[in-house]
Full PDB file with SEQRES, HELIX, SHEET, SSBOND, CRYST1, ORIGX, SCALE, CONECT and MASTER records, all heavy atoms in Angstrom:
SEQRES   1 A   40  VAL THR ILE TYR ASP LEU ASN MET ARG ARG VAL ALA GLU          
SEQRES   2 A   40  LEU GLU ASN ALA ALA ASN ILE GLY TYR GLU THR PRO LEU          
SEQRES   3 A   40  ASN THR LEU TRP THR ALA SER PHE ASP LEU PRO ILE ASP          
SEQRES   4 A   40  ASP                                                          
SHEET    1 AA1 2 THR A   2  TYR A   4  0                                        
SHEET    2 AA1 2 ARG A  10  GLU A  13 -1                                        
SHEET    1 AA2 2 ALA A  18  GLU A  23  0                                        
SHEET    2 AA2 2 THR A  31  ASP A  35 -1                                        
CRYST1    1.000    1.000    1.000  90.00  90.00  90.00 P 1           1          
ORIGX1      1.000000  0.000000  0.000000        0.00000                         
ORIGX2      0.000000  1.000000  0.000000        0.00000                         
ORIGX3      0.000000  0.000000  1.000000        0.00000                         
SCALE1      1.000000  0.000000  0.000000        0.00000                         
SCALE2      0.000000  1.000000  0.000000        0.00000                         
SCALE3      0.000000  0.000000  1.000000        0.00000                         
ATOM      1  N   VAL A   1      36.238  18.240 -39.095  1.00  0.00           N  
ATOM      2  CA  VAL A   1      36.378  17.819 -40.485  1.00  0.00           C  
ATOM      3  C   VAL A   1      35.008  17.407 -41.010  1.00  0.00           C  
ATOM      4  O   VAL A   1      34.281  16.672 -40.346  1.00  0.00           O  
ATOM      5  CB  VAL A   1      37.354  16.618 -40.582  1.00  0.00           C  
ATOM      6  CG1 VAL A   1      37.459  16.114 -42.010  1.00  0.00           C  
ATOM      7  CG2 VAL A   1      38.722  16.993 -40.040  1.00  0.00           C  
ATOM      8  N   THR A   2      34.678  17.877 -42.218  1.00  0.00           N  
ATOM      9  CA  THR A   2      33.457  17.471 -42.898  1.00  0.00           C  
ATOM     10  C   THR A   2      33.847  16.842 -44.223  1.00  0.00           C  
ATOM     11  O   THR A   2      34.723  17.340 -44.919  1.00  0.00           O  
ATOM     12  CB  THR A   2      32.524  18.676 -43.151  1.00  0.00           C  
ATOM     13  OG1 THR A   2      32.254  19.313 -41.906  1.00  0.00           O  
ATOM     14  CG2 THR A   2      31.223  18.248 -43.793  1.00  0.00           C  
ATOM     15  N   ILE A   3      33.181  15.736 -44.572  1.00  0.00           N  
ATOM     16  CA  ILE A   3      33.463  15.002 -45.812  1.00  0.00           C  
ATOM     17  C   ILE A   3      32.320  15.232 -46.801  1.00  0.00           C  
ATOM     18  O   ILE A   3      31.150  15.174 -46.431  1.00  0.00           O  
ATOM     19  CB  ILE A   3      33.604  13.487 -45.549  1.00  0.00           C  
ATOM     20  CG1 ILE A   3      34.685  13.209 -44.499  1.00  0.00           C  
ATOM     21  CG2 ILE A   3      33.870  12.729 -46.841  1.00  0.00           C  
ATOM     22  CD1 ILE A   3      36.080  13.549 -44.930  1.00  0.00           C  
ATOM     23  N   TYR A   4      32.684  15.467 -48.069  1.00  0.00           N  
ATOM     24  CA  TYR A   4      31.728  15.628 -49.162  1.00  0.00           C  
ATOM     25  C   TYR A   4      32.054  14.592 -50.227  1.00  0.00           C  
ATOM     26  O   TYR A   4      33.229  14.298 -50.480  1.00  0.00           O  
ATOM     27  CB  TYR A   4      31.837  17.025 -49.779  1.00  0.00           C  
ATOM     28  CG  TYR A   4      31.497  18.138 -48.828  1.00  0.00           C  
ATOM     29  CD1 TYR A   4      32.465  18.668 -47.981  1.00  0.00           C  
ATOM     30  CD2 TYR A   4      30.207  18.656 -48.763  1.00  0.00           C  
ATOM     31  CE1 TYR A   4      32.159  19.689 -47.098  1.00  0.00           C  
ATOM     32  CE2 TYR A   4      29.892  19.681 -47.885  1.00  0.00           C  
ATOM     33  CZ  TYR A   4      30.879  20.191 -47.055  1.00  0.00           C  
ATOM     34  OH  TYR A   4      30.562  21.202 -46.181  1.00  0.00           O  
ATOM     35  N   ASP A   5      31.031  14.075 -50.896  1.00  0.00           N  
ATOM     36  CA  ASP A   5      31.281  13.111 -51.966  1.00  0.00           C  
ATOM     37  C   ASP A   5      31.731  13.835 -53.232  1.00  0.00           C  
ATOM     38  O   ASP A   5      31.937  15.059 -53.225  1.00  0.00           O  
ATOM     39  CB  ASP A   5      30.071  12.205 -52.201  1.00  0.00           C  
ATOM     40  CG  ASP A   5      28.858  12.922 -52.780  1.00  0.00           C  
ATOM     41  OD1 ASP A   5      28.964  14.093 -53.232  1.00  0.00           O  
ATOM     42  OD2 ASP A   5      27.782  12.307 -52.803  1.00  0.00           O  
ATOM     43  N   LEU A   6      31.871  13.099 -54.323  1.00  0.00           N  
ATOM     44  CA  LEU A   6      32.374  13.685 -55.571  1.00  0.00           C  
ATOM     45  C   LEU A   6      31.421  14.693 -56.193  1.00  0.00           C  
ATOM     46  O   LEU A   6      31.817  15.487 -57.045  1.00  0.00           O  
ATOM     47  CB  LEU A   6      32.695  12.571 -56.573  1.00  0.00           C  
ATOM     48  CG  LEU A   6      33.795  11.600 -56.114  1.00  0.00           C  
ATOM     49  CD1 LEU A   6      33.954  10.473 -57.123  1.00  0.00           C  
ATOM     50  CD2 LEU A   6      35.103  12.323 -55.892  1.00  0.00           C  
ATOM     51  N   ASN A   7      30.147  14.684 -55.749  1.00  0.00           N  
ATOM     52  CA  ASN A   7      29.164  15.653 -56.229  1.00  0.00           C  
ATOM     53  C   ASN A   7      28.960  16.792 -55.239  1.00  0.00           C  
ATOM     54  O   ASN A   7      27.986  17.531 -55.331  1.00  0.00           O  
ATOM     55  CB  ASN A   7      27.833  14.953 -56.498  1.00  0.00           C  
ATOM     56  CG  ASN A   7      27.953  13.981 -57.644  1.00  0.00           C  
ATOM     57  OD1 ASN A   7      28.491  14.318 -58.689  1.00  0.00           O  
ATOM     58  ND2 ASN A   7      27.475  12.763 -57.449  1.00  0.00           N  
ATOM     59  N   MET A   8      29.892  16.903 -54.280  1.00  0.00           N  
ATOM     60  CA  MET A   8      29.871  17.948 -53.251  1.00  0.00           C  
ATOM     61  C   MET A   8      28.636  17.878 -52.341  1.00  0.00           C  
ATOM     62  O   MET A   8      28.184  18.892 -51.819  1.00  0.00           O  
ATOM     63  CB  MET A   8      30.005  19.342 -53.871  1.00  0.00           C  
ATOM     64  CG  MET A   8      31.402  19.644 -54.369  1.00  0.00           C  
ATOM     65  SD  MET A   8      32.682  19.492 -53.088  1.00  0.00           S  
ATOM     66  CE  MET A   8      32.229  20.797 -51.966  1.00  0.00           C  
ATOM     67  N   ARG A   9      28.125  16.667 -52.150  1.00  0.00           N  
ATOM     68  CA  ARG A   9      27.055  16.465 -51.166  1.00  0.00           C  
ATOM     69  C   ARG A   9      27.699  16.099 -49.838  1.00  0.00           C  
ATOM     70  O   ARG A   9      28.555  15.203 -49.795  1.00  0.00           O  
ATOM     71  CB  ARG A   9      26.115  15.340 -51.591  1.00  0.00           C  
ATOM     72  CG  ARG A   9      25.267  15.685 -52.801  1.00  0.00           C  
ATOM     73  CD  ARG A   9      24.331  14.548 -53.120  1.00  0.00           C  
ATOM     74  NE  ARG A   9      25.123  13.372 -53.490  1.00  0.00           N  
ATOM     75  CZ  ARG A   9      25.004  12.714 -54.625  1.00  0.00           C  
ATOM     76  NH1 ARG A   9      24.104  13.076 -55.505  1.00  0.00           N  
ATOM     77  NH2 ARG A   9      25.759  11.671 -54.897  1.00  0.00           N  
ATOM     78  N   ARG A  10      27.308  16.776 -48.777  1.00  0.00           N  
ATOM     79  CA  ARG A  10      27.852  16.466 -47.451  1.00  0.00           C  
ATOM     80  C   ARG A  10      27.436  15.058 -47.068  1.00  0.00           C  
ATOM     81  O   ARG A  10      26.251  14.728 -47.093  1.00  0.00           O  
ATOM     82  CB  ARG A  10      27.337  17.453 -46.422  1.00  0.00           C  
ATOM     83  CG  ARG A  10      27.895  17.188 -45.022  1.00  0.00           C  
ATOM     84  CD  ARG A  10      27.292  18.084 -44.020  1.00  0.00           C  
ATOM     85  NE  ARG A  10      27.619  19.463 -44.379  1.00  0.00           N  
ATOM     86  CZ  ARG A  10      27.619  20.448 -43.518  1.00  0.00           C  
ATOM     87  NH1 ARG A  10      27.301  20.242 -42.280  1.00  0.00           N  
ATOM     88  NH2 ARG A  10      27.920  21.655 -43.913  1.00  0.00           N  
ATOM     89  N   VAL A  11      28.414  14.223 -46.729  1.00  0.00           N  
ATOM     90  CA  VAL A  11      28.111  12.842 -46.352  1.00  0.00           C  
ATOM     91  C   VAL A  11      28.451  12.534 -44.898  1.00  0.00           C  
ATOM     92  O   VAL A  11      27.901  11.587 -44.340  1.00  0.00           O  
ATOM     93  CB  VAL A  11      28.801  11.816 -47.287  1.00  0.00           C  
ATOM     94  CG1 VAL A  11      28.227  11.914 -48.697  1.00  0.00           C  
ATOM     95  CG2 VAL A  11      30.299  11.990 -47.308  1.00  0.00           C  
ATOM     96  N   ALA A  12      29.341  13.298 -44.284  1.00  0.00           N  
ATOM     97  CA  ALA A  12      29.690  13.005 -42.892  1.00  0.00           C  
ATOM     98  C   ALA A  12      30.420  14.169 -42.246  1.00  0.00           C  
ATOM     99  O   ALA A  12      31.193  14.869 -42.892  1.00  0.00           O  
ATOM    100  CB  ALA A  12      30.574  11.765 -42.825  1.00  0.00           C  
ATOM    101  N   GLU A  13      30.157  14.359 -40.966  1.00  0.00           N  
ATOM    102  CA  GLU A  13      30.973  15.240 -40.133  1.00  0.00           C  
ATOM    103  C   GLU A  13      31.700  14.327 -39.164  1.00  0.00           C  
ATOM    104  O   GLU A  13      31.073  13.525 -38.469  1.00  0.00           O  
ATOM    105  CB  GLU A  13      30.126  16.263 -39.385  1.00  0.00           C  
ATOM    106  CG  GLU A  13      30.998  17.257 -38.662  1.00  0.00           C  
ATOM    107  CD  GLU A  13      30.238  18.458 -38.144  1.00  0.00           C  
ATOM    108  OE1 GLU A  13      29.455  19.050 -38.896  1.00  0.00           O  
ATOM    109  OE2 GLU A  13      30.451  18.791 -36.972  1.00  0.00           O  
ATOM    110  N   LEU A  14      32.994  14.416 -39.147  1.00  0.00           N  
ATOM    111  CA  LEU A  14      33.822  13.475 -38.398  1.00  0.00           C  
ATOM    112  C   LEU A  14      34.062  13.987 -36.975  1.00  0.00           C  
ATOM    113  O   LEU A  14      35.056  14.637 -36.684  1.00  0.00           O  
ATOM    114  CB  LEU A  14      35.152  13.245 -39.115  1.00  0.00           C  
ATOM    115  CG  LEU A  14      35.044  12.818 -40.575  1.00  0.00           C  
ATOM    116  CD1 LEU A  14      36.426  12.597 -41.164  1.00  0.00           C  
ATOM    117  CD2 LEU A  14      34.192  11.563 -40.713  1.00  0.00           C  
ATOM    118  N   GLU A  15      33.129  13.657 -36.091  1.00  0.00           N  
ATOM    119  CA  GLU A  15      33.227  14.093 -34.703  1.00  0.00           C  
ATOM    120  C   GLU A  15      34.425  13.489 -33.988  1.00  0.00           C  
ATOM    121  O   GLU A  15      34.945  14.065 -33.040  1.00  0.00           O  
ATOM    122  CB  GLU A  15      31.956  13.725 -33.923  1.00  0.00           C  
ATOM    123  CG  GLU A  15      30.697  14.361 -34.426  1.00  0.00           C  
ATOM    124  CD  GLU A  15      30.008  13.555 -35.522  1.00  0.00           C  
ATOM    125  OE1 GLU A  15      30.514  12.476 -35.897  1.00  0.00           O  
ATOM    126  OE2 GLU A  15      28.964  14.012 -36.005  1.00  0.00           O  
ATOM    127  N   ASN A  16      34.855  12.313 -34.431  1.00  0.00           N  
ATOM    128  CA  ASN A  16      35.961  11.622 -33.766  1.00  0.00           C  
ATOM    129  C   ASN A  16      37.312  11.854 -34.429  1.00  0.00           C  
ATOM    130  O   ASN A  16      38.291  11.179 -34.087  1.00  0.00           O  
ATOM    131  CB  ASN A  16      35.675  10.120 -33.706  1.00  0.00           C  
ATOM    132  CG  ASN A  16      34.449   9.827 -32.874  1.00  0.00           C  
ATOM    133  OD1 ASN A  16      34.215  10.464 -31.857  1.00  0.00           O  
ATOM    134  ND2 ASN A  16      33.643   8.874 -33.307  1.00  0.00           N  
ATOM    135  N   ALA A  17      37.379  12.780 -35.380  1.00  0.00           N  
ATOM    136  CA  ALA A  17      38.660  13.080 -36.018  1.00  0.00           C  
ATOM    137  C   ALA A  17      39.626  13.637 -34.971  1.00  0.00           C  
ATOM    138  O   ALA A  17      39.242  14.418 -34.104  1.00  0.00           O  
ATOM    139  CB  ALA A  17      38.476  14.080 -37.150  1.00  0.00           C  
ATOM    140  N   ALA A  18      40.863  13.188 -35.056  1.00  0.00           N  
ATOM    141  CA  ALA A  18      41.891  13.633 -34.107  1.00  0.00           C  
ATOM    142  C   ALA A  18      43.183  13.899 -34.877  1.00  0.00           C  
ATOM    143  O   ALA A  18      43.302  13.557 -36.049  1.00  0.00           O  
ATOM    144  CB  ALA A  18      42.115  12.568 -33.046  1.00  0.00           C  
ATOM    145  N   ASN A  19      44.126  14.488 -34.199  1.00  0.00           N  
ATOM    146  CA  ASN A  19      45.426  14.802 -34.812  1.00  0.00           C  
ATOM    147  C   ASN A  19      45.247  15.526 -36.144  1.00  0.00           C  
ATOM    148  O   ASN A  19      45.926  15.226 -37.121  1.00  0.00           O  
ATOM    149  CB  ASN A  19      46.267  13.539 -34.994  1.00  0.00           C  
ATOM    150  CG  ASN A  19      46.561  12.869 -33.675  1.00  0.00           C  
ATOM    151  OD1 ASN A  19      46.798  13.537 -32.684  1.00  0.00           O  
ATOM    152  ND2 ASN A  19      46.514  11.554 -33.654  1.00  0.00           N  
ATOM    153  N   ILE A  20      44.313  16.453 -36.174  1.00  0.00           N  
ATOM    154  CA  ILE A  20      44.057  17.226 -37.388  1.00  0.00           C  
ATOM    155  C   ILE A  20      45.201  18.214 -37.563  1.00  0.00           C  
ATOM    156  O   ILE A  20      45.510  18.995 -36.667  1.00  0.00           O  
ATOM    157  CB  ILE A  20      42.719  17.977 -37.294  1.00  0.00           C  
ATOM    158  CG1 ILE A  20      41.581  16.985 -37.077  1.00  0.00           C  
ATOM    159  CG2 ILE A  20      42.491  18.832 -38.534  1.00  0.00           C  
ATOM    160  CD1 ILE A  20      40.267  17.631 -36.672  1.00  0.00           C  
ATOM    161  N   GLY A  21      45.834  18.127 -38.711  1.00  0.00           N  
ATOM    162  CA  GLY A  21      46.938  19.028 -38.984  1.00  0.00           C  
ATOM    163  C   GLY A  21      46.870  19.532 -40.406  1.00  0.00           C  
ATOM    164  O   GLY A  21      46.284  18.890 -41.271  1.00  0.00           O  
ATOM    165  N   TYR A  22      47.436  20.689 -40.636  1.00  0.00           N  
ATOM    166  CA  TYR A  22      47.450  21.238 -41.992  1.00  0.00           C  
ATOM    167  C   TYR A  22      48.656  22.146 -42.146  1.00  0.00           C  
ATOM    168  O   TYR A  22      49.189  22.683 -41.181  1.00  0.00           O  
ATOM    169  CB  TYR A  22      46.163  21.988 -42.304  1.00  0.00           C  
ATOM    170  CG  TYR A  22      45.827  23.084 -41.328  1.00  0.00           C  
ATOM    171  CD1 TYR A  22      46.293  24.375 -41.506  1.00  0.00           C  
ATOM    172  CD2 TYR A  22      45.032  22.815 -40.213  1.00  0.00           C  
ATOM    173  CE1 TYR A  22      45.987  25.375 -40.607  1.00  0.00           C  
ATOM    174  CE2 TYR A  22      44.726  23.810 -39.302  1.00  0.00           C  
ATOM    175  CZ  TYR A  22      45.197  25.087 -39.503  1.00  0.00           C  
ATOM    176  OH  TYR A  22      44.904  26.084 -38.598  1.00  0.00           O  
ATOM    177  N   GLU A  23      49.097  22.256 -43.392  1.00  0.00           N  
ATOM    178  CA  GLU A  23      50.179  23.156 -43.750  1.00  0.00           C  
ATOM    179  C   GLU A  23      49.701  24.023 -44.897  1.00  0.00           C  
ATOM    180  O   GLU A  23      49.177  23.513 -45.887  1.00  0.00           O  
ATOM    181  CB  GLU A  23      51.416  22.367 -44.172  1.00  0.00           C  
ATOM    182  CG  GLU A  23      52.037  21.572 -43.043  1.00  0.00           C  
ATOM    183  CD  GLU A  23      53.320  20.873 -43.458  1.00  0.00           C  
ATOM    184  OE1 GLU A  23      53.954  21.307 -44.441  1.00  0.00           O  
ATOM    185  OE2 GLU A  23      53.670  19.897 -42.787  1.00  0.00           O  
ATOM    186  N   THR A  24      49.877  25.323 -44.749  1.00  0.00           N  
ATOM    187  CA  THR A  24      49.443  26.273 -45.770  1.00  0.00           C  
ATOM    188  C   THR A  24      50.613  27.155 -46.204  1.00  0.00           C  
ATOM    189  O   THR A  24      50.570  28.369 -46.044  1.00  0.00           O  
ATOM    190  CB  THR A  24      48.277  27.136 -45.246  1.00  0.00           C  
ATOM    191  OG1 THR A  24      48.715  27.810 -44.057  1.00  0.00           O  
ATOM    192  CG2 THR A  24      47.054  26.302 -44.933  1.00  0.00           C  
ATOM    193  N   PRO A  25      51.658  26.543 -46.766  1.00  0.00           N  
ATOM    194  CA  PRO A  25      52.830  27.328 -47.160  1.00  0.00           C  
ATOM    195  C   PRO A  25      52.518  28.247 -48.349  1.00  0.00           C  
ATOM    196  O   PRO A  25      51.686  27.924 -49.201  1.00  0.00           O  
ATOM    197  CB  PRO A  25      53.855  26.268 -47.545  1.00  0.00           C  
ATOM    198  CG  PRO A  25      53.059  25.066 -47.894  1.00  0.00           C  
ATOM    199  CD  PRO A  25      51.800  25.129 -47.069  1.00  0.00           C  
ATOM    200  N   LEU A  26      53.186  29.350 -48.384  1.00  0.00           N  
ATOM    201  CA  LEU A  26      53.013  30.323 -49.456  1.00  0.00           C  
ATOM    202  C   LEU A  26      53.570  29.765 -50.762  1.00  0.00           C  
ATOM    203  O   LEU A  26      54.649  29.178 -50.782  1.00  0.00           O  
ATOM    204  CB  LEU A  26      53.738  31.624 -49.084  1.00  0.00           C  
ATOM    205  CG  LEU A  26      53.523  32.813 -49.999  1.00  0.00           C  
ATOM    206  CD1 LEU A  26      52.044  33.198 -50.037  1.00  0.00           C  
ATOM    207  CD2 LEU A  26      54.353  33.986 -49.511  1.00  0.00           C  
ATOM    208  N   ASN A  27      52.819  29.912 -51.837  1.00  0.00           N  
ATOM    209  CA  ASN A  27      53.246  29.531 -53.189  1.00  0.00           C  
ATOM    210  C   ASN A  27      53.556  28.050 -53.371  1.00  0.00           C  
ATOM    211  O   ASN A  27      54.402  27.686 -54.189  1.00  0.00           O  
ATOM    212  CB  ASN A  27      54.460  30.355 -53.633  1.00  0.00           C  
ATOM    213  CG  ASN A  27      54.120  31.815 -53.752  1.00  0.00           C  
ATOM    214  OD1 ASN A  27      53.002  32.178 -54.121  1.00  0.00           O  
ATOM    215  ND2 ASN A  27      55.074  32.665 -53.429  1.00  0.00           N  
ATOM    216  N   THR A  28      52.911  27.204 -52.618  1.00  0.00           N  
ATOM    217  CA  THR A  28      53.070  25.765 -52.809  1.00  0.00           C  
ATOM    218  C   THR A  28      51.783  25.059 -52.374  1.00  0.00           C  
ATOM    219  O   THR A  28      50.868  25.676 -51.846  1.00  0.00           O  
ATOM    220  CB  THR A  28      54.316  25.225 -52.069  1.00  0.00           C  
ATOM    221  OG1 THR A  28      54.541  23.891 -52.469  1.00  0.00           O  
ATOM    222  CG2 THR A  28      54.157  25.303 -50.578  1.00  0.00           C  
ATOM    223  N   LEU A  29      51.728  23.776 -52.593  1.00  0.00           N  
ATOM    224  CA  LEU A  29      50.537  22.977 -52.342  1.00  0.00           C  
ATOM    225  C   LEU A  29      50.212  22.872 -50.860  1.00  0.00           C  
ATOM    226  O   LEU A  29      51.076  22.543 -50.053  1.00  0.00           O  
ATOM    227  CB  LEU A  29      50.763  21.575 -52.917  1.00  0.00           C  
ATOM    228  CG  LEU A  29      49.595  20.609 -52.860  1.00  0.00           C  
ATOM    229  CD1 LEU A  29      48.455  21.104 -53.726  1.00  0.00           C  
ATOM    230  CD2 LEU A  29      50.059  19.246 -53.326  1.00  0.00           C  
ATOM    231  N   TRP A  30      48.959  23.151 -50.505  1.00  0.00           N  
ATOM    232  CA  TRP A  30      48.509  23.005 -49.126  1.00  0.00           C  
ATOM    233  C   TRP A  30      48.169  21.540 -48.882  1.00  0.00           C  
ATOM    234  O   TRP A  30      47.640  20.854 -49.764  1.00  0.00           O  
ATOM    235  CB  TRP A  30      47.286  23.851 -48.874  1.00  0.00           C  
ATOM    236  CG  TRP A  30      47.546  25.326 -48.860  1.00  0.00           C  
ATOM    237  CD1 TRP A  30      48.670  25.966 -49.284  1.00  0.00           C  
ATOM    238  CD2 TRP A  30      46.658  26.329 -48.414  1.00  0.00           C  
ATOM    239  NE1 TRP A  30      48.529  27.313 -49.128  1.00  0.00           N  
ATOM    240  CE2 TRP A  30      47.307  27.573 -48.597  1.00  0.00           C  
ATOM    241  CE3 TRP A  30      45.377  26.325 -47.885  1.00  0.00           C  
ATOM    242  CZ2 TRP A  30      46.709  28.776 -48.244  1.00  0.00           C  
ATOM    243  CZ3 TRP A  30      44.784  27.517 -47.549  1.00  0.00           C  
ATOM    244  CH2 TRP A  30      45.451  28.738 -47.727  1.00  0.00           C  
ATOM    245  N   THR A  31      48.478  21.069 -47.704  1.00  0.00           N  
ATOM    246  CA  THR A  31      48.200  19.685 -47.344  1.00  0.00           C  
ATOM    247  C   THR A  31      47.559  19.635 -45.958  1.00  0.00           C  
ATOM    248  O   THR A  31      47.633  20.598 -45.187  1.00  0.00           O  
ATOM    249  CB  THR A  31      49.485  18.841 -47.331  1.00  0.00           C  
ATOM    250  OG1 THR A  31      50.402  19.401 -46.391  1.00  0.00           O  
ATOM    251  CG2 THR A  31      50.119  18.793 -48.713  1.00  0.00           C  
ATOM    252  N   ALA A  32      46.945  18.487 -45.674  1.00  0.00           N  
ATOM    253  CA  ALA A  32      46.335  18.277 -44.356  1.00  0.00           C  
ATOM    254  C   ALA A  32      46.304  16.783 -44.077  1.00  0.00           C  
ATOM    255  O   ALA A  32      46.500  15.960 -44.979  1.00  0.00           O  
ATOM    256  CB  ALA A  32      44.929  18.852 -44.322  1.00  0.00           C  
ATOM    257  N   SER A  33      46.032  16.457 -42.832  1.00  0.00           N  
ATOM    258  CA  SER A  33      45.886  15.061 -42.440  1.00  0.00           C  
ATOM    259  C   SER A  33      45.001  14.995 -41.201  1.00  0.00           C  
ATOM    260  O   SER A  33      44.852  15.990 -40.478  1.00  0.00           O  
ATOM    261  CB  SER A  33      47.244  14.425 -42.166  1.00  0.00           C  
ATOM    262  OG  SER A  33      47.904  15.118 -41.140  1.00  0.00           O  
ATOM    263  N   PHE A  34      44.428  13.835 -40.986  1.00  0.00           N  
ATOM    264  CA  PHE A  34      43.625  13.607 -39.787  1.00  0.00           C  
ATOM    265  C   PHE A  34      43.560  12.111 -39.520  1.00  0.00           C  
ATOM    266  O   PHE A  34      43.831  11.300 -40.399  1.00  0.00           O  
ATOM    267  CB  PHE A  34      42.224  14.209 -39.931  1.00  0.00           C  
ATOM    268  CG  PHE A  34      41.400  13.631 -41.041  1.00  0.00           C  
ATOM    269  CD1 PHE A  34      40.560  12.541 -40.836  1.00  0.00           C  
ATOM    270  CD2 PHE A  34      41.466  14.171 -42.314  1.00  0.00           C  
ATOM    271  CE1 PHE A  34      39.803  12.012 -41.869  1.00  0.00           C  
ATOM    272  CE2 PHE A  34      40.719  13.649 -43.358  1.00  0.00           C  
ATOM    273  CZ  PHE A  34      39.879  12.570 -43.131  1.00  0.00           C  
ATOM    274  N   ASP A  35      43.215  11.759 -38.296  1.00  0.00           N  
ATOM    275  CA  ASP A  35      43.070  10.369 -37.870  1.00  0.00           C  
ATOM    276  C   ASP A  35      41.627  10.105 -37.484  1.00  0.00           C  
ATOM    277  O   ASP A  35      40.941  11.002 -36.982  1.00  0.00           O  
ATOM    278  CB  ASP A  35      43.911  10.078 -36.621  1.00  0.00           C  
ATOM    279  CG  ASP A  35      45.393  10.151 -36.853  1.00  0.00           C  
ATOM    280  OD1 ASP A  35      45.821  10.205 -38.012  1.00  0.00           O  
ATOM    281  OD2 ASP A  35      46.129  10.133 -35.846  1.00  0.00           O  
ATOM    282  N   LEU A  36      41.201   8.866 -37.701  1.00  0.00           N  
ATOM    283  CA  LEU A  36      39.911   8.376 -37.196  1.00  0.00           C  
ATOM    284  C   LEU A  36      40.164   7.040 -36.512  1.00  0.00           C  
ATOM    285  O   LEU A  36      41.023   6.277 -36.953  1.00  0.00           O  
ATOM    286  CB  LEU A  36      38.924   8.137 -38.340  1.00  0.00           C  
ATOM    287  CG  LEU A  36      38.070   9.283 -38.826  1.00  0.00           C  
ATOM    288  CD1 LEU A  36      37.133   8.806 -39.928  1.00  0.00           C  
ATOM    289  CD2 LEU A  36      37.275   9.907 -37.709  1.00  0.00           C  
ATOM    290  N   PRO A  37      39.398   6.727 -35.461  1.00  0.00           N  
ATOM    291  CA  PRO A  37      39.519   5.400 -34.872  1.00  0.00           C  
ATOM    292  C   PRO A  37      39.206   4.333 -35.923  1.00  0.00           C  
ATOM    293  O   PRO A  37      38.342   4.532 -36.782  1.00  0.00           O  
ATOM    294  CB  PRO A  37      38.463   5.392 -33.763  1.00  0.00           C  
ATOM    295  CG  PRO A  37      38.245   6.842 -33.445  1.00  0.00           C  
ATOM    296  CD  PRO A  37      38.444   7.571 -34.742  1.00  0.00           C  
ATOM    297  N   ILE A  38      39.923   3.216 -35.858  1.00  0.00           N  
ATOM    298  CA  ILE A  38      39.722   2.144 -36.833  1.00  0.00           C  
ATOM    299  C   ILE A  38      38.272   1.670 -36.864  1.00  0.00           C  
ATOM    300  O   ILE A  38      37.734   1.371 -37.918  1.00  0.00           O  
ATOM    301  CB  ILE A  38      40.680   0.970 -36.535  1.00  0.00           C  
ATOM    302  CG1 ILE A  38      42.104   1.362 -36.913  1.00  0.00           C  
ATOM    303  CG2 ILE A  38      40.266  -0.302 -37.277  1.00  0.00           C  
ATOM    304  CD1 ILE A  38      43.151   0.336 -36.548  1.00  0.00           C  
ATOM    305  N   ASP A  39      37.628   1.643 -35.708  1.00  0.00           N  
ATOM    306  CA  ASP A  39      36.257   1.128 -35.645  1.00  0.00           C  
ATOM    307  C   ASP A  39      35.187   2.201 -35.867  1.00  0.00           C  
ATOM    308  O   ASP A  39      33.999   1.930 -35.751  1.00  0.00           O  
ATOM    309  CB  ASP A  39      36.021   0.413 -34.317  1.00  0.00           C  
ATOM    310  CG  ASP A  39      36.208   1.329 -33.113  1.00  0.00           C  
ATOM    311  OD1 ASP A  39      36.665   2.483 -33.286  1.00  0.00           O  
ATOM    312  OD2 ASP A  39      35.899   0.892 -31.988  1.00  0.00           O  
ATOM    313  N   ASP A  40      35.584   3.422 -36.228  1.00  0.00           N  
ATOM    314  CA  ASP A  40      34.598   4.476 -36.488  1.00  0.00           C  
ATOM    315  C   ASP A  40      33.855   4.152 -37.777  1.00  0.00           C  
ATOM    316  O   ASP A  40      34.472   3.974 -38.827  1.00  0.00           O  
ATOM    317  CB  ASP A  40      35.301   5.831 -36.618  1.00  0.00           C  
ATOM    318  CG  ASP A  40      34.343   7.005 -36.622  1.00  0.00           C  
ATOM    319  OD1 ASP A  40      33.331   6.947 -37.357  1.00  0.00           O  
ATOM    320  OD2 ASP A  40      34.596   7.972 -35.897  1.00  0.00           O  
TER     321      ASP A  40                                                      
MASTER        0    0    0    0    4    0    0    6  320    1    0    4          
END                                                                             
């Protein structure tokens, strides 16, 4: 996972992201989720 700010500047690559999941259903909204350690 890579994070970009509101101006599309790369601000972080989340090396510790876990439980990355996504759904890409046809003709509906795509969603995703991920976890980070609380102390990251």
